[in-house]
Amino acid sequence: MTKVLTKKQSHATYSTSAMETGDHSKNGASLKSQMSRGKNAKKYLAILLFLFFATLVYAQNNYQDVIYLKNGNIIRGVIIEQILNQSVKIETVDRNVFVFQIDNIIKLTKEPIQGKSGNSFNNTGLKSGYRGIVEVGYQIGVRGSGDIYGYFSMDRLKLDIISGYQINPYFSIGFGIGLRYYFNLNPETLLLPLFTDFRVTFINNSISPYLSLGAGYSFNTTNDFRGAGLLLNPTIGVVFKTSNKTVINVGIGYEMQKMKFYYGGSSLLNVEGSIDPRATSTSFTFIRNCGAINIVVGVSI
């Protein structure tokens, strides 16, 4: 049985002449749509950068200055004055101010603010060991170069399950399996990606910016699990440690999904491998990037 892959729109099918020429009104509408998507992408980037730097500032506020003295005392608070090679003035939590001469100090450090007495929550970052991650998200299709009418800019739903290992508070690696549900295709399409997941957490703290990179290959479950194409998914966001065992992450990024298509010479796009019996001598296969902006929320234990 032939499986025809089209967008659920009135102009889902097309001819080669329509793709190459098109009328001015369609091109004008397409240009406006591309400009709108470009503005949206800049907006998403601005929001992402704001969250990134706000998290850095907030994370730094969770640290305190610590002075280790030669007599064995340890003073915690905020350094309010420091005279080079002479003295350090520090204000403690209870608003007491102390001045110490450099000769009496072993070292100056910054350390995470300790929880209140009786609170077992550890304010530091991720611990080494197994890390299981479940992520869900929505992906907004982005038009690539040459995709005049947006045939390949397809929204989809995302689910990823990752089994990994936290090497230290900053680095983790894992292997994942996922689902990508293309709900506005006809027929509706479900891809199954298999991928490697790399993650970097920038600060050893309960709240920190992070960067992840997923790389792998997707299979089309609606077409006998035929190979769909390469997957690359960089994401940046923020992790929130809600307990000693649970971490929540929120991120935004871009997903590159290469997909094979078959042009049957009859104005129809088919999943590569399901040949249209009306194909002519102009038939050919080609690969396109069905890219998307990736908005994701996850939880790990």
Protein backbone atom coordinates (compact mmCIF):
# COMPACT_ATOMS: atom_id res chain seq x y z
CA MET A 1 0.00 0.00 0.00
CA THR A 2 1.37 3.41 -0.96
CA LYS A 3 1.91 5.88 1.90
CA VAL A 4 1.63 9.50 0.83
CA LEU A 5 3.27 12.10 3.07
CA THR A 6 1.68 15.55 2.86
CA LYS A 7 0.99 18.52 5.13
CA LYS A 8 -2.63 18.79 6.29
CA GLN A 9 -3.19 21.90 4.18
CA SER A 10 -4.87 22.73 0.90
CA HIS A 11 -1.47 23.19 -0.80
CA ALA A 12 0.11 20.06 0.67
CA THR A 13 0.85 18.67 -2.81
CA TYR A 14 2.84 20.52 -5.43
CA SER A 15 4.43 20.28 -8.85
CA THR A 16 8.03 21.02 -9.73
CA SER A 17 7.01 24.09 -11.72
CA ALA A 18 5.13 25.51 -8.75
CA MET A 19 8.17 25.01 -6.55
CA GLU A 20 10.56 26.65 -8.98
CA THR A 21 8.44 29.65 -10.01
CA GLY A 22 5.35 30.30 -7.90
CA ASP A 23 3.33 33.50 -8.16
CA HIS A 24 4.27 36.79 -6.55
CA SER A 25 1.45 36.72 -4.03
CA LYS A 26 2.56 33.37 -2.65
CA ASN A 27 6.18 34.48 -2.55
CA GLY A 28 5.17 37.66 -0.74
CA ALA A 29 3.18 35.72 1.83
CA SER A 30 6.07 33.29 2.22
CA LEU A 31 8.53 36.16 2.77
CA LYS A 32 6.30 37.68 5.46
CA SER A 33 5.99 34.29 7.14
CA GLN A 34 9.77 33.79 7.09
CA MET A 35 10.31 37.26 8.55
CA SER A 36 7.80 36.47 11.29
CA ARG A 37 9.57 33.21 12.10
CA GLY A 38 12.91 35.04 12.16
CA LYS A 39 11.53 37.54 14.68
CA ASN A 40 10.19 34.69 16.81
CA ALA A 41 13.57 32.96 16.74
CA LYS A 42 15.27 36.18 17.92
CA LYS A 43 12.68 36.48 20.69
CA TYR A 44 13.33 32.92 21.85
CA LEU A 45 17.09 33.60 21.80
CA ALA A 46 16.67 36.80 23.85
CA ILE A 47 14.57 34.96 26.45
CA LEU A 48 17.12 32.17 26.59
CA LEU A 49 20.05 34.56 27.12
CA PHE A 50 18.15 36.40 29.84
CA LEU A 51 17.39 33.15 31.68
CA PHE A 52 20.99 32.02 31.29
CA PHE A 53 22.56 35.15 32.80
CA ALA A 54 19.83 35.55 35.43
CA THR A 55 20.59 32.01 36.59
CA LEU A 56 24.29 32.78 36.80
CA VAL A 57 23.57 35.82 38.99
CA TYR A 58 21.09 33.89 41.15
CA ALA A 59 23.49 31.00 41.58
CA GLN A 60 26.24 33.35 42.71
CA ASN A 61 23.85 34.74 45.33
CA ASN A 62 23.66 31.25 46.83
CA TYR A 63 27.35 31.48 47.75
CA GLN A 64 29.00 33.16 50.73
CA ASP A 65 32.52 34.38 51.49
CA VAL A 66 34.51 32.24 53.94
CA ILE A 67 37.69 33.28 55.81
CA TYR A 68 39.92 30.57 57.28
CA LEU A 69 42.07 31.97 60.10
CA LYS A 70 45.39 30.64 61.38
CA ASN A 71 43.92 30.20 64.89
CA GLY A 72 41.46 27.64 63.50
CA ASN A 73 38.38 29.87 63.37
CA ILE A 74 36.20 30.02 60.25
CA ILE A 75 34.19 33.18 59.54
CA ARG A 76 31.30 33.14 57.03
CA GLY A 77 29.52 36.13 55.56
CA VAL A 78 30.02 38.81 52.90
CA ILE A 79 33.35 40.58 52.38
CA ILE A 80 32.51 44.29 52.30
CA GLU A 81 36.04 45.68 52.09
CA GLN A 82 39.44 44.33 51.13
CA ILE A 83 42.70 46.28 51.22
CA LEU A 84 45.32 44.60 49.09
CA ASN A 85 47.99 42.84 51.18
CA GLN A 86 46.67 44.49 54.37
CA SER A 87 43.22 43.56 55.69
CA VAL A 88 39.78 42.09 54.99
CA LYS A 89 36.47 43.31 56.42
CA ILE A 90 33.58 40.81 56.53
CA GLU A 91 29.95 41.12 57.62
CA THR A 92 28.31 37.97 59.07
CA VAL A 93 24.68 36.89 58.76
CA ASP A 94 23.86 38.39 62.18
CA ARG A 95 25.23 41.78 60.98
CA ASN A 96 28.47 41.66 63.00
CA VAL A 97 31.48 43.20 61.22
CA PHE A 98 35.03 41.89 61.70
CA VAL A 99 38.37 43.09 60.36
CA PHE A 100 41.25 40.62 59.96
CA GLN A 101 44.84 41.31 58.99
CA ILE A 102 46.16 39.39 56.00
CA ASP A 103 48.93 37.87 58.17
CA ASN A 104 46.26 36.08 60.26
CA ILE A 105 44.42 34.56 57.28
CA ILE A 106 45.14 31.17 55.70
CA LYS A 107 42.77 31.49 52.74
CA LEU A 108 39.68 33.22 51.35
CA THR A 109 37.04 31.17 49.52
CA LYS A 110 33.45 31.17 48.31
CA GLU A 111 31.24 28.28 49.43
CA PRO A 112 27.55 27.37 49.05
CA ILE A 113 25.33 28.80 51.77
CA GLN A 114 24.58 26.01 54.23
CA GLY A 115 20.96 25.11 54.96
CA LYS A 116 19.39 25.88 58.29
CA SER A 117 19.95 23.53 61.18
CA GLY A 118 17.95 20.35 60.77
CA ASN A 119 17.57 20.82 57.01
CA SER A 120 19.13 17.85 55.26
CA PHE A 121 18.88 19.38 51.77
CA ASN A 122 22.29 19.55 50.11
CA ASN A 123 22.67 22.86 48.29
CA THR A 124 25.53 21.65 46.10
CA GLY A 125 25.15 20.32 42.57
CA LEU A 126 24.67 16.89 41.02
CA LYS A 127 26.27 13.84 42.65
CA SER A 128 28.17 11.15 40.77
CA GLY A 129 26.20 8.04 39.90
CA TYR A 130 23.30 6.81 37.79
CA ARG A 131 21.09 9.50 36.28
CA GLY A 132 17.76 8.69 34.65
CA ILE A 133 16.10 11.52 32.71
CA VAL A 134 12.60 11.85 31.23
CA GLU A 135 11.93 14.86 29.00
CA VAL A 136 8.80 16.07 27.20
CA GLY A 137 8.53 19.00 24.86
CA TYR A 138 6.99 20.77 21.91
CA GLN A 139 8.97 21.43 18.74
CA ILE A 140 8.12 24.33 16.43
CA GLY A 141 9.01 23.65 12.80
CA VAL A 142 11.47 26.06 11.19
CA ARG A 143 11.72 26.62 7.45
CA GLY A 144 15.05 25.84 5.88
CA SER A 145 16.60 27.43 2.80
CA GLY A 146 14.59 26.68 -0.32
CA ASP A 147 11.51 25.55 1.63
CA ILE A 148 9.35 28.29 0.09
CA TYR A 149 5.95 27.09 1.27
CA GLY A 150 6.97 25.40 4.50
CA TYR A 151 6.43 21.81 3.39
CA PHE A 152 9.25 20.61 5.65
CA SER A 153 8.70 22.92 8.67
CA MET A 154 6.70 20.48 10.76
CA ASP A 155 5.64 20.88 14.39
CA ARG A 156 5.81 17.77 16.57
CA LEU A 157 5.58 16.49 20.14
CA LYS A 158 8.67 15.10 21.87
CA LEU A 159 9.35 12.41 24.46
CA ASP A 160 12.86 11.26 25.47
CA ILE A 161 13.95 8.67 28.03
CA ILE A 162 17.67 8.75 28.88
CA SER A 163 19.72 6.35 30.97
CA GLY A 164 23.04 7.90 31.91
CA TYR A 165 25.83 8.40 34.39
CA GLN A 166 26.79 11.62 36.21
CA ILE A 167 30.60 11.60 36.06
CA ASN A 168 31.03 14.58 38.41
CA PRO A 169 28.97 17.70 39.26
CA TYR A 170 29.67 19.11 35.80
CA PHE A 171 29.55 16.30 33.21
CA SER A 172 27.21 13.43 32.37
CA ILE A 173 26.79 11.01 29.47
CA GLY A 174 23.91 8.73 28.59
CA PHE A 175 22.01 6.83 25.93
CA GLY A 176 18.42 7.56 25.05
CA ILE A 177 15.34 6.50 23.13
CA GLY A 178 12.55 8.84 22.15
CA LEU A 179 9.41 9.53 20.15
CA ARG A 180 8.60 12.35 17.73
CA TYR A 181 4.91 12.65 16.85
CA TYR A 182 4.31 14.63 13.62
CA PHE A 183 0.61 15.30 14.12
CA ASN A 184 0.09 17.63 11.14
CA LEU A 185 1.31 15.17 8.52
CA ASN A 186 -0.96 12.96 6.49
CA PRO A 187 -0.61 10.19 7.46
CA GLU A 188 0.41 11.12 11.01
CA THR A 189 4.03 10.05 11.46
CA LEU A 190 5.88 8.70 14.50
CA LEU A 191 9.69 8.66 14.52
CA LEU A 192 11.76 6.72 17.03
CA PRO A 193 15.22 8.28 17.63
CA LEU A 194 18.13 6.43 19.28
CA PHE A 195 20.84 8.79 20.49
CA THR A 196 23.77 9.58 22.77
CA ASP A 197 23.25 12.37 25.29
CA PHE A 198 26.05 14.65 26.60
CA ARG A 199 25.40 17.24 29.33
CA VAL A 200 27.43 20.00 30.96
CA THR A 201 26.30 21.73 34.16
CA PHE A 202 28.24 24.97 34.60
CA ILE A 203 27.96 25.56 38.38
CA ASN A 204 28.23 23.13 41.29
CA ASN A 205 25.04 24.44 42.87
CA SER A 206 21.36 23.54 43.31
CA ILE A 207 20.52 25.93 40.44
CA SER A 208 22.73 26.11 37.38
CA PRO A 209 22.72 26.73 33.61
CA TYR A 210 23.29 23.62 31.53
CA LEU A 211 24.11 22.64 27.96
CA SER A 212 23.14 19.32 26.39
CA LEU A 213 23.78 17.70 23.02
CA GLY A 214 21.88 14.72 21.65
CA ALA A 215 23.23 12.97 18.54
CA GLY A 216 21.82 9.86 16.89
CA TYR A 217 19.57 8.38 14.22
CA SER A 218 15.78 8.17 13.85
CA PHE A 219 13.57 5.40 12.48
CA ASN A 220 10.09 5.77 10.99
CA THR A 221 7.71 3.52 12.94
CA THR A 222 4.85 4.26 10.50
CA ASN A 223 6.90 2.96 7.56
CA ASP A 224 8.17 -0.43 8.74
CA PHE A 225 10.90 1.18 10.91
CA ARG A 226 12.82 2.34 7.87
CA GLY A 227 15.72 4.68 8.58
CA ALA A 228 14.58 8.31 8.62
CA GLY A 229 17.85 10.19 9.08
CA LEU A 230 20.41 11.78 11.37
CA LEU A 231 19.36 13.61 14.54
CA LEU A 232 21.25 16.46 16.24
CA ASN A 233 19.75 18.32 19.19
CA PRO A 234 21.71 21.04 21.07
CA THR A 235 19.83 22.56 24.04
CA ILE A 236 20.64 25.16 26.66
CA GLY A 237 18.67 25.86 29.82
CA VAL A 238 18.53 25.74 33.61
CA VAL A 239 18.56 22.84 36.09
CA PHE A 240 16.80 23.10 39.46
CA LYS A 241 17.69 20.66 42.21
CA THR A 242 14.43 20.22 44.15
CA SER A 243 15.70 17.55 46.53
CA ASN A 244 18.81 15.45 47.09
CA LYS A 245 17.50 12.97 44.49
CA THR A 246 15.37 14.98 42.07
CA VAL A 247 16.40 17.55 39.45
CA ILE A 248 14.14 19.49 37.06
CA ASN A 249 15.45 21.02 33.85
CA VAL A 250 13.90 23.58 31.51
CA GLY A 251 15.53 24.29 28.17
CA ILE A 252 15.26 25.60 24.63
CA GLY A 253 17.27 24.61 21.62
CA TYR A 254 17.23 23.44 18.02
CA GLU A 255 16.66 19.96 16.62
CA MET A 256 18.02 18.96 13.24
CA GLN A 257 16.19 15.93 11.84
CA LYS A 258 17.28 14.70 8.43
CA MET A 259 14.51 12.87 6.55
CA LYS A 260 14.36 11.04 3.23
CA PHE A 261 11.56 11.94 0.81
CA TYR A 262 10.49 10.47 -2.51
CA TYR A 263 9.23 12.66 -5.33
CA GLY A 264 7.08 10.50 -7.58
CA GLY A 265 6.70 12.91 -10.49
CA SER A 266 2.97 13.26 -9.71
CA SER A 267 3.09 16.23 -7.34
CA LEU A 268 3.11 13.96 -4.27
CA LEU A 269 5.67 13.60 -1.51
CA ASN A 270 6.12 10.03 -0.33
CA VAL A 271 8.10 8.53 2.52
CA GLU A 272 11.23 7.15 0.88
CA GLY A 273 10.74 3.47 0.24
CA SER A 274 6.97 3.55 -0.43
CA ILE A 275 6.96 4.06 -4.19
CA ASP A 276 4.01 5.76 -5.88
CA PRO A 277 2.81 3.58 -8.77
CA ARG A 278 2.17 6.77 -10.78
CA ALA A 279 5.88 7.67 -10.66
CA THR A 280 7.42 8.87 -13.91
CA SER A 281 10.92 9.22 -15.25
CA THR A 282 11.24 12.45 -13.24
CA SER A 283 11.08 10.49 -9.97
CA PHE A 284 13.91 10.94 -7.47
CA THR A 285 14.70 10.73 -3.78
CA PHE A 286 16.14 13.57 -1.73
CA ILE A 287 17.06 14.41 1.86
CA ARG A 288 15.82 17.49 3.72
CA ASN A 289 16.38 18.87 7.19
CA CYS A 290 13.08 19.12 9.08
CA GLY A 291 14.46 21.48 11.72
CA ALA A 292 12.56 22.78 14.74
CA ILE A 293 12.91 25.02 17.78
CA ASN A 294 12.86 22.68 20.77
CA ILE A 295 11.15 23.67 24.05
CA VAL A 296 11.64 21.01 26.73
CA VAL A 297 10.93 20.23 30.37
CA GLY A 298 12.51 17.24 32.11
CA VAL A 299 12.97 15.49 35.42
CA SER A 300 15.87 13.30 36.49
CA ILE A 301 16.59 11.09 39.48
